[in-house]
Amino acid sequence: MHEFALAEDIINTISSKVTGQLKTISQINIDVGAFSGIVVDSLEFGLQIILKEKANTMAKINIRQVPTIARCECGSKYEIKNMFDSCPSCQSYNRKIISGIDVMIHSVEIKENEENAN
């Protein structure tokens, strides 16, 4: 999926779970897995563009990269960022992902309505 389309999908997910307008979002915390390197580099930019276009607001966006773990057929574990390196134990490239995350919205902070801020 193109990273801008992913950003739009994340905004749609957030807005469907948030009561009120998108403009009430003040902060978004997102966890992404190591497979999403290109997404990590451009997701914040894409989200800011979409928020600006759809809600005329800017939110603080925190993106945290969460290690994705894989296991070799010999039993060795390693982070997925080393996916294309040979296994130091058996020189194999045969791996299976055992834990990880694609993209997860960790939390969304909402600005308090100005009329309720008294």
PDB file of N, CA and C in Angstrom:
ATOM      1  N   MET A   1       0.854  -1.178   0.000  1.00  0.00           N
ATOM      2  CA  MET A   1       0.000   0.000   0.000  1.00  0.00           C
ATOM      3  C   MET A   1       0.895   1.236   0.000  1.00  0.00           C
ATOM      4  N   HIS A   2       0.562   2.215  -0.818  1.00  0.00           N
ATOM      5  CA  HIS A   2       1.312   3.455  -0.864  1.00  0.00           C
ATOM      6  C   HIS A   2       1.194   4.165   0.480  1.00  0.00           C
ATOM      7  N   GLU A   3       2.287   4.809   0.918  1.00  0.00           N
ATOM      8  CA  GLU A   3       2.297   5.379   2.265  1.00  0.00           C
ATOM      9  C   GLU A   3       1.258   6.479   2.467  1.00  0.00           C
ATOM     10  N   PHE A   4       0.935   7.241   1.404  1.00  0.00           N
ATOM     11  CA  PHE A   4      -0.087   8.277   1.558  1.00  0.00           C
ATOM     12  C   PHE A   4      -1.467   7.639   1.733  1.00  0.00           C
ATOM     13  N   ALA A   5      -1.724   6.551   1.003  1.00  0.00           N
ATOM     14  CA  ALA A   5      -2.988   5.826   1.170  1.00  0.00           C
ATOM     15  C   ALA A   5      -3.070   5.222   2.569  1.00  0.00           C
ATOM     16  N   LEU A   6      -1.938   4.759   3.081  1.00  0.00           N
ATOM     17  CA  LEU A   6      -1.905   4.229   4.437  1.00  0.00           C
ATOM     18  C   LEU A   6      -2.213   5.325   5.448  1.00  0.00           C
ATOM     19  N   ALA A   7      -1.622   6.504   5.250  1.00  0.00           N
ATOM     20  CA  ALA A   7      -1.895   7.636   6.138  1.00  0.00           C
ATOM     21  C   ALA A   7      -3.378   7.983   6.120  1.00  0.00           C
ATOM     22  N   GLU A   8      -3.979   7.997   4.946  1.00  0.00           N
ATOM     23  CA  GLU A   8      -5.401   8.311   4.840  1.00  0.00           C
ATOM     24  C   GLU A   8      -6.249   7.248   5.532  1.00  0.00           C
ATOM     25  N   ASP A   9      -5.858   5.986   5.392  1.00  0.00           N
ATOM     26  CA  ASP A   9      -6.576   4.898   6.046  1.00  0.00           C
ATOM     27  C   ASP A   9      -6.489   5.040   7.568  1.00  0.00           C
ATOM     28  N   ILE A  10      -5.311   5.432   8.071  1.00  0.00           N
ATOM     29  CA  ILE A  10      -5.147   5.626   9.516  1.00  0.00           C
ATOM     30  C   ILE A  10      -6.013   6.781  10.004  1.00  0.00           C
ATOM     31  N   ILE A  11      -6.038   7.897   9.263  1.00  0.00           N
ATOM     32  CA  ILE A  11      -6.895   9.029   9.641  1.00  0.00           C
ATOM     33  C   ILE A  11      -8.361   8.618   9.666  1.00  0.00           C
ATOM     34  N   ASN A  12      -8.795   7.838   8.666  1.00  0.00           N
ATOM     35  CA  ASN A  12     -10.187   7.383   8.632  1.00  0.00           C
ATOM     36  C   ASN A  12     -10.492   6.481   9.832  1.00  0.00           C
ATOM     37  N   THR A  13      -9.545   5.633  10.204  1.00  0.00           N
ATOM     38  CA  THR A  13      -9.720   4.781  11.379  1.00  0.00           C
ATOM     39  C   THR A  13      -9.835   5.613  12.644  1.00  0.00           C
ATOM     40  N   ILE A  14      -8.951   6.608  12.769  1.00  0.00           N
ATOM     41  CA  ILE A  14      -8.981   7.484  13.942  1.00  0.00           C
ATOM     42  C   ILE A  14     -10.303   8.237  14.014  1.00  0.00           C
ATOM     43  N   SER A  15     -10.702   8.853  12.899  1.00  0.00           N
ATOM     44  CA  SER A  15     -11.909   9.680  12.908  1.00  0.00           C
ATOM     45  C   SER A  15     -13.160   8.848  13.174  1.00  0.00           C
ATOM     46  N   SER A  16     -13.149   7.558  12.771  1.00  0.00           N
ATOM     47  CA  SER A  16     -14.314   6.713  13.039  1.00  0.00           C
ATOM     48  C   SER A  16     -14.419   6.337  14.515  1.00  0.00           C
ATOM     49  N   LYS A  17     -13.294   6.415  15.253  1.00  0.00           N
ATOM     50  CA  LYS A  17     -13.297   6.051  16.664  1.00  0.00           C
ATOM     51  C   LYS A  17     -13.387   7.254  17.588  1.00  0.00           C
ATOM     52  N   VAL A  18     -13.252   8.454  17.027  1.00  0.00           N
ATOM     53  CA  VAL A  18     -13.225   9.667  17.834  1.00  0.00           C
ATOM     54  C   VAL A  18     -14.569  10.366  17.721  1.00  0.00           C
ATOM     55  N   THR A  19     -15.156  10.693  18.863  1.00  0.00           N
ATOM     56  CA  THR A  19     -16.387  11.460  18.832  1.00  0.00           C
ATOM     57  C   THR A  19     -16.035  12.914  18.561  1.00  0.00           C
ATOM     58  N   GLY A  20     -16.826  13.574  17.748  1.00  0.00           N
ATOM     59  CA  GLY A  20     -16.538  14.952  17.398  1.00  0.00           C
ATOM     60  C   GLY A  20     -15.790  15.044  16.083  1.00  0.00           C
ATOM     61  N   GLN A  21     -15.206  16.185  15.833  1.00  0.00           N
ATOM     62  CA  GLN A  21     -14.547  16.467  14.574  1.00  0.00           C
ATOM     63  C   GLN A  21     -13.080  16.052  14.604  1.00  0.00           C
ATOM     64  N   LEU A  22     -12.488  15.860  13.422  1.00  0.00           N
ATOM     65  CA  LEU A  22     -11.060  15.592  13.320  1.00  0.00           C
ATOM     66  C   LEU A  22     -10.236  16.733  13.917  1.00  0.00           C
ATOM     67  N   LYS A  23     -10.761  17.939  13.857  1.00  0.00           N
ATOM     68  CA  LYS A  23     -10.004  19.096  14.346  1.00  0.00           C
ATOM     69  C   LYS A  23      -9.783  19.061  15.854  1.00  0.00           C
ATOM     70  N   THR A  24     -10.468  18.131  16.552  1.00  0.00           N
ATOM     71  CA  THR A  24     -10.258  18.020  17.991  1.00  0.00           C
ATOM     72  C   THR A  24      -9.033  17.172  18.340  1.00  0.00           C
ATOM     73  N   ILE A  25      -8.425  16.510  17.356  1.00  0.00           N
ATOM     74  CA  ILE A  25      -7.265  15.670  17.628  1.00  0.00           C
ATOM     75  C   ILE A  25      -6.038  16.541  17.849  1.00  0.00           C
ATOM     76  N   SER A  26      -5.375  16.345  18.980  1.00  0.00           N
ATOM     77  CA  SER A  26      -4.170  17.127  19.264  1.00  0.00           C
ATOM     78  C   SER A  26      -2.898  16.293  19.164  1.00  0.00           C
ATOM     79  N   GLN A  27      -3.005  14.991  19.378  1.00  0.00           N
ATOM     80  CA  GLN A  27      -1.816  14.146  19.318  1.00  0.00           C
ATOM     81  C   GLN A  27      -2.201  12.739  18.895  1.00  0.00           C
ATOM     82  N   ILE A  28      -1.364  12.124  18.056  1.00  0.00           N
ATOM     83  CA  ILE A  28      -1.575  10.754  17.596  1.00  0.00           C
ATOM     84  C   ILE A  28      -0.287   9.980  17.858  1.00  0.00           C
ATOM     85  N   ASN A  29      -0.393   8.859  18.543  1.00  0.00           N
ATOM     86  CA  ASN A  29       0.750   7.983  18.779  1.00  0.00           C
ATOM     87  C   ASN A  29       0.541   6.697  17.979  1.00  0.00           C
ATOM     88  N   ILE A  30       1.522   6.361  17.160  1.00  0.00           N
ATOM     89  CA  ILE A  30       1.398   5.218  16.260  1.00  0.00           C
ATOM     90  C   ILE A  30       2.608   4.315  16.432  1.00  0.00           C
ATOM     91  N   ASP A  31       2.359   3.004  16.510  1.00  0.00           N
ATOM     92  CA  ASP A  31       3.434   2.017  16.514  1.00  0.00           C
ATOM     93  C   ASP A  31       3.473   1.357  15.146  1.00  0.00           C
ATOM     94  N   VAL A  32       4.652   1.216  14.581  1.00  0.00           N
ATOM     95  CA  VAL A  32       4.801   0.525  13.295  1.00  0.00           C
ATOM     96  C   VAL A  32       5.894  -0.521  13.427  1.00  0.00           C
ATOM     97  N   GLY A  33       5.767  -1.587  12.646  1.00  0.00           N
ATOM     98  CA  GLY A  33       6.776  -2.634  12.632  1.00  0.00           C
ATOM     99  C   GLY A  33       7.937  -2.285  11.718  1.00  0.00           C
ATOM    100  N   ALA A  34       8.979  -3.080  11.826  1.00  0.00           N
ATOM    101  CA  ALA A  34      10.212  -2.812  11.089  1.00  0.00           C
ATOM    102  C   ALA A  34      10.034  -2.961   9.584  1.00  0.00           C
ATOM    103  N   PHE A  35       9.017  -3.695   9.137  1.00  0.00           N
ATOM    104  CA  PHE A  35       8.774  -3.817   7.707  1.00  0.00           C
ATOM    105  C   PHE A  35       8.353  -2.490   7.092  1.00  0.00           C
ATOM    106  N   SER A  36       7.912  -1.565   7.912  1.00  0.00           N
ATOM    107  CA  SER A  36       7.324  -0.326   7.425  1.00  0.00           C
ATOM    108  C   SER A  36       8.326   0.826   7.388  1.00  0.00           C
ATOM    109  N   GLY A  37       9.558   0.579   6.998  1.00  0.00           N
ATOM    110  CA  GLY A  37      10.592   1.610   6.992  1.00  0.00           C
ATOM    111  C   GLY A  37      10.244   2.816   6.153  1.00  0.00           C
ATOM    112  N   ILE A  38       9.753   2.591   4.949  1.00  0.00           N
ATOM    113  CA  ILE A  38       9.362   3.706   4.082  1.00  0.00           C
ATOM    114  C   ILE A  38       8.165   4.425   4.673  1.00  0.00           C
ATOM    115  N   VAL A  39       7.246   3.661   5.257  1.00  0.00           N
ATOM    116  CA  VAL A  39       6.065   4.255   5.873  1.00  0.00           C
ATOM    117  C   VAL A  39       6.470   5.132   7.048  1.00  0.00           C
ATOM    118  N   VAL A  40       7.427   4.668   7.849  1.00  0.00           N
ATOM    119  CA  VAL A  40       7.890   5.456   8.994  1.00  0.00           C
ATOM    120  C   VAL A  40       8.398   6.810   8.529  1.00  0.00           C
ATOM    121  N   ASP A  41       9.139   6.825   7.423  1.00  0.00           N
ATOM    122  CA  ASP A  41       9.728   8.068   6.926  1.00  0.00           C
ATOM    123  C   ASP A  41       8.692   9.056   6.403  1.00  0.00           C
ATOM    124  N   SER A  42       7.559   8.558   5.912  1.00  0.00           N
ATOM    125  CA  SER A  42       6.605   9.459   5.259  1.00  0.00           C
ATOM    126  C   SER A  42       5.233   9.527   5.916  1.00  0.00           C
ATOM    127  N   LEU A  43       4.968   8.672   6.898  1.00  0.00           N
ATOM    128  CA  LEU A  43       3.639   8.622   7.505  1.00  0.00           C
ATOM    129  C   LEU A  43       3.288   9.923   8.217  1.00  0.00           C
ATOM    130  N   GLU A  44       4.222  10.473   8.979  1.00  0.00           N
ATOM    131  CA  GLU A  44       3.950  11.721   9.696  1.00  0.00           C
ATOM    132  C   GLU A  44       3.601  12.840   8.716  1.00  0.00           C
ATOM    133  N   PHE A  45       4.378  12.957   7.647  1.00  0.00           N
ATOM    134  CA  PHE A  45       4.127  13.985   6.639  1.00  0.00           C
ATOM    135  C   PHE A  45       2.748  13.798   6.001  1.00  0.00           C
ATOM    136  N   GLY A  46       2.433  12.560   5.619  1.00  0.00           N
ATOM    137  CA  GLY A  46       1.134  12.273   5.000  1.00  0.00           C
ATOM    138  C   GLY A  46      -0.024  12.568   5.930  1.00  0.00           C
ATOM    139  N   LEU A  47       0.128  12.200   7.210  1.00  0.00           N
ATOM    140  CA  LEU A  47      -0.935  12.465   8.177  1.00  0.00           C
ATOM    141  C   LEU A  47      -1.148  13.961   8.372  1.00  0.00           C
ATOM    142  N   GLN A  48      -0.060  14.729   8.448  1.00  0.00           N
ATOM    143  CA  GLN A  48      -0.198  16.176   8.624  1.00  0.00           C
ATOM    144  C   GLN A  48      -0.908  16.803   7.423  1.00  0.00           C
ATOM    145  N   ILE A  49      -0.580  16.365   6.213  1.00  0.00           N
ATOM    146  CA  ILE A  49      -1.250  16.891   5.015  1.00  0.00           C
ATOM    147  C   ILE A  49      -2.744  16.587   5.063  1.00  0.00           C
ATOM    148  N   ILE A  50      -3.073  15.336   5.400  1.00  0.00           N
ATOM    149  CA  ILE A  50      -4.488  14.941   5.426  1.00  0.00           C
ATOM    150  C   ILE A  50      -5.241  15.683   6.519  1.00  0.00           C
ATOM    151  N   LEU A  51      -4.637  15.818   7.708  1.00  0.00           N
ATOM    152  CA  LEU A  51      -5.291  16.565   8.784  1.00  0.00           C
ATOM    153  C   LEU A  51      -5.507  18.017   8.379  1.00  0.00           C
ATOM    154  N   LYS A  52      -4.519  18.607   7.735  1.00  0.00           N
ATOM    155  CA  LYS A  52      -4.625  20.007   7.297  1.00  0.00           C
ATOM    156  C   LYS A  52      -5.734  20.155   6.262  1.00  0.00           C
ATOM    157  N   GLU A  53      -5.796  19.215   5.304  1.00  0.00           N
ATOM    158  CA  GLU A  53      -6.811  19.290   4.244  1.00  0.00           C
ATOM    159  C   GLU A  53      -8.218  19.010   4.764  1.00  0.00           C
ATOM    160  N   LYS A  54      -8.363  17.989   5.611  1.00  0.00           N
ATOM    161  CA  LYS A  54      -9.692  17.550   6.029  1.00  0.00           C
ATOM    162  C   LYS A  54     -10.224  18.300   7.236  1.00  0.00           C
ATOM    163  N   ALA A  55      -9.330  18.779   8.126  1.00  0.00           N
ATOM    164  CA  ALA A  55      -9.804  19.371   9.377  1.00  0.00           C
ATOM    165  C   ALA A  55      -9.190  20.723   9.667  1.00  0.00           C
ATOM    166  N   ASN A  56      -8.305  21.185   8.808  1.00  0.00           N
ATOM    167  CA  ASN A  56      -7.637  22.471   9.001  1.00  0.00           C
ATOM    168  C   ASN A  56      -6.978  22.550  10.381  1.00  0.00           C
ATOM    169  N   THR A  57      -6.279  21.483  10.734  1.00  0.00           N
ATOM    170  CA  THR A  57      -5.588  21.433  12.018  1.00  0.00           C
ATOM    171  C   THR A  57      -4.269  20.688  11.864  1.00  0.00           C
ATOM    172  N   MET A  58      -3.386  20.882  12.823  1.00  0.00           N
ATOM    173  CA  MET A  58      -2.130  20.149  12.856  1.00  0.00           C
ATOM    174  C   MET A  58      -2.050  19.441  14.205  1.00  0.00           C
ATOM    175  N   ALA A  59      -1.758  18.163  14.184  1.00  0.00           N
ATOM    176  CA  ALA A  59      -1.635  17.393  15.422  1.00  0.00           C
ATOM    177  C   ALA A  59      -0.186  16.976  15.598  1.00  0.00           C
ATOM    178  N   LYS A  60       0.221  16.780  16.844  1.00  0.00           N
ATOM    179  CA  LYS A  60       1.543  16.229  17.103  1.00  0.00           C
ATOM    180  C   LYS A  60       1.459  14.732  16.841  1.00  0.00           C
ATOM    181  N   ILE A  61       2.356  14.229  16.005  1.00  0.00           N
ATOM    182  CA  ILE A  61       2.336  12.816  15.634  1.00  0.00           C
ATOM    183  C   ILE A  61       3.629  12.160  16.112  1.00  0.00           C
ATOM    184  N   ASN A  62       3.491  11.132  16.927  1.00  0.00           N
ATOM    185  CA  ASN A  62       4.633  10.375  17.425  1.00  0.00           C
ATOM    186  C   ASN A  62       4.585   8.979  16.827  1.00  0.00           C
ATOM    187  N   ILE A  63       5.635   8.617  16.100  1.00  0.00           N
ATOM    188  CA  ILE A  63       5.699   7.301  15.483  1.00  0.00           C
ATOM    189  C   ILE A  63       6.810   6.508  16.167  1.00  0.00           C
ATOM    190  N   ARG A  64       6.449   5.350  16.699  1.00  0.00           N
ATOM    191  CA  ARG A  64       7.420   4.496  17.383  1.00  0.00           C
ATOM    192  C   ARG A  64       7.597   3.223  16.568  1.00  0.00           C
ATOM    193  N   GLN A  65       8.842   2.865  16.304  1.00  0.00           N
ATOM    194  CA  GLN A  65       9.108   1.640  15.559  1.00  0.00           C
ATOM    195  C   GLN A  65       9.246   0.480  16.534  1.00  0.00           C
ATOM    196  N   VAL A  66       8.424  -0.545  16.355  1.00  0.00           N
ATOM    197  CA  VAL A  66       8.394  -1.699  17.238  1.00  0.00           C
ATOM    198  C   VAL A  66       9.110  -2.851  16.542  1.00  0.00           C
ATOM    199  N   PRO A  67      10.095  -3.461  17.190  1.00  0.00           N
ATOM    200  CA  PRO A  67      10.816  -4.556  16.533  1.00  0.00           C
ATOM    201  C   PRO A  67       9.888  -5.716  16.177  1.00  0.00           C
ATOM    202  N   THR A  68      10.094  -6.262  15.001  1.00  0.00           N
ATOM    203  CA  THR A  68       9.388  -7.453  14.565  1.00  0.00           C
ATOM    204  C   THR A  68      10.379  -8.609  14.668  1.00  0.00           C
ATOM    205  N   ILE A  69       9.964  -9.688  15.286  1.00  0.00           N
ATOM    206  CA  ILE A  69      10.870 -10.807  15.549  1.00  0.00           C
ATOM    207  C   ILE A  69      10.560 -11.968  14.606  1.00  0.00           C
ATOM    208  N   ALA A  70      11.618 -12.582  14.081  1.00  0.00           N
ATOM    209  CA  ALA A  70      11.473 -13.763  13.235  1.00  0.00           C
ATOM    210  C   ALA A  70      12.337 -14.885  13.803  1.00  0.00           C
ATOM    211  N   ARG A  71      12.051 -16.111  13.359  1.00  0.00           N
ATOM    212  CA  ARG A  71      12.837 -17.265  13.796  1.00  0.00           C
ATOM    213  C   ARG A  71      13.304 -18.027  12.566  1.00  0.00           C
ATOM    214  N   CYS A  72      14.569 -18.411  12.585  1.00  0.00           N
ATOM    215  CA  CYS A  72      15.138 -19.224  11.515  1.00  0.00           C
ATOM    216  C   CYS A  72      14.702 -20.677  11.710  1.00  0.00           C
ATOM    217  N   GLU A  73      14.810 -21.473  10.658  1.00  0.00           N
ATOM    218  CA  GLU A  73      14.455 -22.889  10.788  1.00  0.00           C
ATOM    219  C   GLU A  73      15.355 -23.609  11.792  1.00  0.00           C
ATOM    220  N   CYS A  74      16.546 -23.056  12.063  1.00  0.00           N
ATOM    221  CA  CYS A  74      17.441 -23.681  13.061  1.00  0.00           C
ATOM    222  C   CYS A  74      17.080 -23.263  14.486  1.00  0.00           C
ATOM    223  N   GLY A  75      16.153 -22.301  14.634  1.00  0.00           N
ATOM    224  CA  GLY A  75      15.695 -21.885  15.954  1.00  0.00           C
ATOM    225  C   GLY A  75      16.215 -20.541  16.417  1.00  0.00           C
ATOM    226  N   SER A  76      17.156 -19.947  15.692  1.00  0.00           N
ATOM    227  CA  SER A  76      17.687 -18.638  16.076  1.00  0.00           C
ATOM    228  C   SER A  76      16.630 -17.558  15.892  1.00  0.00           C
ATOM    229  N   LYS A  77      16.579 -16.622  16.851  1.00  0.00           N
ATOM    230  CA  LYS A  77      15.660 -15.484  16.765  1.00  0.00           C
ATOM    231  C   LYS A  77      16.446 -14.233  16.405  1.00  0.00           C
ATOM    232  N   TYR A  78      15.788 -13.314  15.700  1.00  0.00           N
ATOM    233  CA  TYR A  78      16.434 -12.052  15.359  1.00  0.00           C
ATOM    234  C   TYR A  78      15.364 -11.053  14.944  1.00  0.00           C
ATOM    235  N   GLU A  79      15.732  -9.767  14.934  1.00  0.00           N
ATOM    236  CA  GLU A  79      14.802  -8.738  14.481  1.00  0.00           C
ATOM    237  C   GLU A  79      14.695  -8.785  12.962  1.00  0.00           C
ATOM    238  N   ILE A  80      13.525  -8.425  12.480  1.00  0.00           N
ATOM    239  CA  ILE A  80      13.234  -8.544  11.055  1.00  0.00           C
ATOM    240  C   ILE A  80      14.085  -7.596  10.202  1.00  0.00           C
ATOM    241  N   LYS A  81      14.704  -6.579  10.824  1.00  0.00           N
ATOM    242  CA  LYS A  81      15.554  -5.684  10.048  1.00  0.00           C
ATOM    243  C   LYS A  81      16.747  -6.435   9.463  1.00  0.00           C
ATOM    244  N   ASN A  82      17.052  -7.613  10.016  1.00  0.00           N
ATOM    245  CA  ASN A  82      18.124  -8.451   9.486  1.00  0.00           C
ATOM    246  C   ASN A  82      17.593  -9.563   8.586  1.00  0.00           C
ATOM    247  N   MET A  83      16.381  -9.364   8.045  1.00  0.00           N
ATOM    248  CA  MET A  83      15.683 -10.394   7.270  1.00  0.00           C
ATOM    249  C   MET A  83      16.513 -10.935   6.114  1.00  0.00           C
ATOM    250  N   PHE A  84      17.283 -10.082   5.466  1.00  0.00           N
ATOM    251  CA  PHE A  84      17.982 -10.511   4.263  1.00  0.00           C
ATOM    252  C   PHE A  84      19.436 -10.878   4.528  1.00  0.00           C
ATOM    253  N   ASP A  85      19.807 -10.972   5.800  1.00  0.00           N
ATOM    254  CA  ASP A  85      21.131 -11.481   6.164  1.00  0.00           C
ATOM    255  C   ASP A  85      21.013 -12.985   6.387  1.00  0.00           C
ATOM    256  N   SER A  86      22.085 -13.696   6.100  1.00  0.00           N
ATOM    257  CA  SER A  86      22.052 -15.131   6.373  1.00  0.00           C
ATOM    258  C   SER A  86      22.132 -15.356   7.882  1.00  0.00           C
ATOM    259  N   CYS A  87      21.541 -16.447   8.325  1.00  0.00           N
ATOM    260  CA  CYS A  87      21.551 -16.791   9.747  1.00  0.00           C
ATOM    261  C   CYS A  87      22.987 -17.089  10.175  1.00  0.00           C
ATOM    262  N   PRO A  88      23.465 -16.462  11.251  1.00  0.00           N
ATOM    263  CA  PRO A  88      24.839 -16.717  11.691  1.00  0.00           C
ATOM    264  C   PRO A  88      25.077 -18.167  12.126  1.00  0.00           C
ATOM    265  N   SER A  89      24.018 -18.864  12.546  1.00  0.00           N
ATOM    266  CA  SER A  89      24.180 -20.238  13.026  1.00  0.00           C
ATOM    267  C   SER A  89      24.237 -21.267  11.896  1.00  0.00           C
ATOM    268  N   CYS A  90      23.338 -21.111  10.895  1.00  0.00           N
ATOM    269  CA  CYS A  90      23.237 -22.157   9.859  1.00  0.00           C
ATOM    270  C   CYS A  90      23.338 -21.630   8.436  1.00  0.00           C
ATOM    271  N   GLN A  91      23.520 -20.315   8.285  1.00  0.00           N
ATOM    272  CA  GLN A  91      23.647 -19.665   6.968  1.00  0.00           C
ATOM    273  C   GLN A  91      22.370 -19.758   6.129  1.00  0.00           C
ATOM    274  N   SER A  92      21.244 -20.116   6.741  1.00  0.00           N
ATOM    275  CA  SER A  92      19.972 -20.243   6.030  1.00  0.00           C
ATOM    276  C   SER A  92      19.295 -18.882   5.885  1.00  0.00           C
ATOM    277  N   TYR A  93      18.393 -18.790   4.908  1.00  0.00           N
ATOM    278  CA  TYR A  93      17.543 -17.606   4.745  1.00  0.00           C
ATOM    279  C   TYR A  93      16.079 -17.962   5.002  1.00  0.00           C
ATOM    280  N   ASN A  94      15.822 -19.167   5.474  1.00  0.00           N
ATOM    281  CA  ASN A  94      14.455 -19.640   5.677  1.00  0.00           C
ATOM    282  C   ASN A  94      13.953 -19.140   7.025  1.00  0.00           C
ATOM    283  N   ARG A  95      13.073 -18.126   6.999  1.00  0.00           N
ATOM    284  CA  ARG A  95      12.624 -17.483   8.237  1.00  0.00           C
ATOM    285  C   ARG A  95      11.104 -17.466   8.335  1.00  0.00           C
ATOM    286  N   LYS A  96      10.640 -17.402   9.539  1.00  0.00           N
ATOM    287  CA  LYS A  96       9.210 -17.284   9.796  1.00  0.00           C
ATOM    288  C   LYS A  96       9.014 -16.206  10.848  1.00  0.00           C
ATOM    289  N   ILE A  97       8.115 -15.266  10.575  1.00  0.00           N
ATOM    290  CA  ILE A  97       7.821 -14.209  11.543  1.00  0.00           C
ATOM    291  C   ILE A  97       7.039 -14.808  12.700  1.00  0.00           C
ATOM    292  N   ILE A  98       7.503 -14.549  13.929  1.00  0.00           N
ATOM    293  CA  ILE A  98       6.802 -15.090  15.097  1.00  0.00           C
ATOM    294  C   ILE A  98       6.119 -14.006  15.913  1.00  0.00           C
ATOM    295  N   SER A  99       6.539 -12.766  15.770  1.00  0.00           N
ATOM    296  CA  SER A  99       5.829 -11.676  16.433  1.00  0.00           C
ATOM    297  C   SER A  99       6.137 -10.387  15.712  1.00  0.00           C
ATOM    298  N   GLY A 100       5.221  -9.460  15.761  1.00  0.00           N
ATOM    299  CA  GLY A 100       5.452  -8.188  15.091  1.00  0.00           C
ATOM    300  C   GLY A 100       4.174  -7.391  14.978  1.00  0.00           C
ATOM    301  N   ILE A 101       4.310  -6.291  14.292  1.00  0.00           N
ATOM    302  CA  ILE A 101       3.192  -5.372  14.182  1.00  0.00           C
ATOM    303  C   ILE A 101       3.295  -4.683  12.841  1.00  0.00           C
ATOM    304  N   ASP A 102       2.160  -4.518  12.173  1.00  0.00           N
ATOM    305  CA  ASP A 102       2.190  -3.775  10.911  1.00  0.00           C
ATOM    306  C   ASP A 102       2.079  -2.300  11.260  1.00  0.00           C
ATOM    307  N   VAL A 103       0.886  -1.819  11.496  1.00  0.00           N
ATOM    308  CA  VAL A 103       0.693  -0.447  11.967  1.00  0.00           C
ATOM    309  C   VAL A 103      -0.414  -0.485  13.006  1.00  0.00           C
ATOM    310  N   MET A 104      -0.183   0.149  14.158  1.00  0.00           N
ATOM    311  CA  MET A 104      -1.197   0.172  15.206  1.00  0.00           C
ATOM    312  C   MET A 104      -1.298   1.582  15.756  1.00  0.00           C
ATOM    313  N   ILE A 105      -2.489   2.091  15.814  1.00  0.00           N
ATOM    314  CA  ILE A 105      -2.717   3.392  16.436  1.00  0.00           C
ATOM    315  C   ILE A 105      -2.696   3.156  17.935  1.00  0.00           C
ATOM    316  N   HIS A 106      -1.681   3.712  18.592  1.00  0.00           N
ATOM    317  CA  HIS A 106      -1.488   3.455  20.018  1.00  0.00           C
ATOM    318  C   HIS A 106      -2.427   4.314  20.867  1.00  0.00           C
ATOM    319  N   SER A 107      -2.510   5.590  20.555  1.00  0.00           N
ATOM    320  CA  SER A 107      -3.424   6.457  21.295  1.00  0.00           C
ATOM    321  C   SER A 107      -3.685   7.735  20.519  1.00  0.00           C
ATOM    322  N   VAL A 108      -4.792   8.351  20.813  1.00  0.00           N
ATOM    323  CA  VAL A 108      -5.169   9.632  20.212  1.00  0.00           C
ATOM    324  C   VAL A 108      -5.593  10.552  21.343  1.00  0.00           C
ATOM    325  N   GLU A 109      -4.957  11.710  21.453  1.00  0.00           N
ATOM    326  CA  GLU A 109      -5.350  12.684  22.461  1.00  0.00           C
ATOM    327  C   GLU A 109      -6.274  13.707  21.816  1.00  0.00           C
ATOM    328  N   ILE A 110      -7.291  14.097  22.544  1.00  0.00           N
ATOM    329  CA  ILE A 110      -8.314  15.000  22.033  1.00  0.00           C
ATOM    330  C   ILE A 110      -8.202  16.346  22.742  1.00  0.00           C
ATOM    331  N   LYS A 111      -8.239  17.419  21.964  1.00  0.00           N
ATOM    332  CA  LYS A 111      -8.257  18.754  22.571  1.00  0.00           C
ATOM    333  C   LYS A 111      -9.598  18.959  23.260  1.00  0.00           C
ATOM    334  N   GLU A 112      -9.561  19.650  24.372  1.00  0.00           N
ATOM    335  CA  GLU A 112     -10.802  19.981  25.062  1.00  0.00           C
ATOM    336  C   GLU A 112     -11.524  21.067  24.280  1.00  0.00           C
ATOM    337  N   ASN A 113     -12.834  20.941  24.155  1.00  0.00           N
ATOM    338  CA  ASN A 113     -13.603  21.964  23.470  1.00  0.00           C
ATOM    339  C   ASN A 113     -13.422  23.302  24.168  1.00  0.00           C
ATOM    340  N   GLU A 114     -13.267  24.367  23.383  1.00  0.00           N
ATOM    341  CA  GLU A 114     -13.014  25.694  23.958  1.00  0.00           C
ATOM    342  C   GLU A 114     -14.149  26.149  24.867  1.00  0.00           C
ATOM    343  N   GLU A 115     -15.383  25.793  24.518  1.00  0.00           N
ATOM    344  CA  GLU A 115     -16.506  26.232  25.346  1.00  0.00           C
ATOM    345  C   GLU A 115     -16.547  25.486  26.686  1.00  0.00           C
ATOM    346  N   ASN A 116     -15.861  24.302  26.774  1.00  0.00           N
ATOM    347  CA  ASN A 116     -15.815  23.550  28.025  1.00  0.00           C
ATOM    348  C   ASN A 116     -14.555  23.840  28.823  1.00  0.00           C
ATOM    349  N   ALA A 117     -13.682  24.686  28.327  1.00  0.00           N
ATOM    350  CA  ALA A 117     -12.377  24.910  28.959  1.00  0.00           C
ATOM    351  C   ALA A 117     -12.422  25.956  30.062  1.00  0.00           C
ATOM    352  N   ASN A 118     -13.597  26.409  30.461  1.00  0.00           N
ATOM    353  CA  ASN A 118     -13.703  27.473  31.491  1.00  0.00           C
ATOM    354  C   ASN A 118     -13.277  26.993  32.835  1.00  0.00           C
TER     355      ASN A 118
END
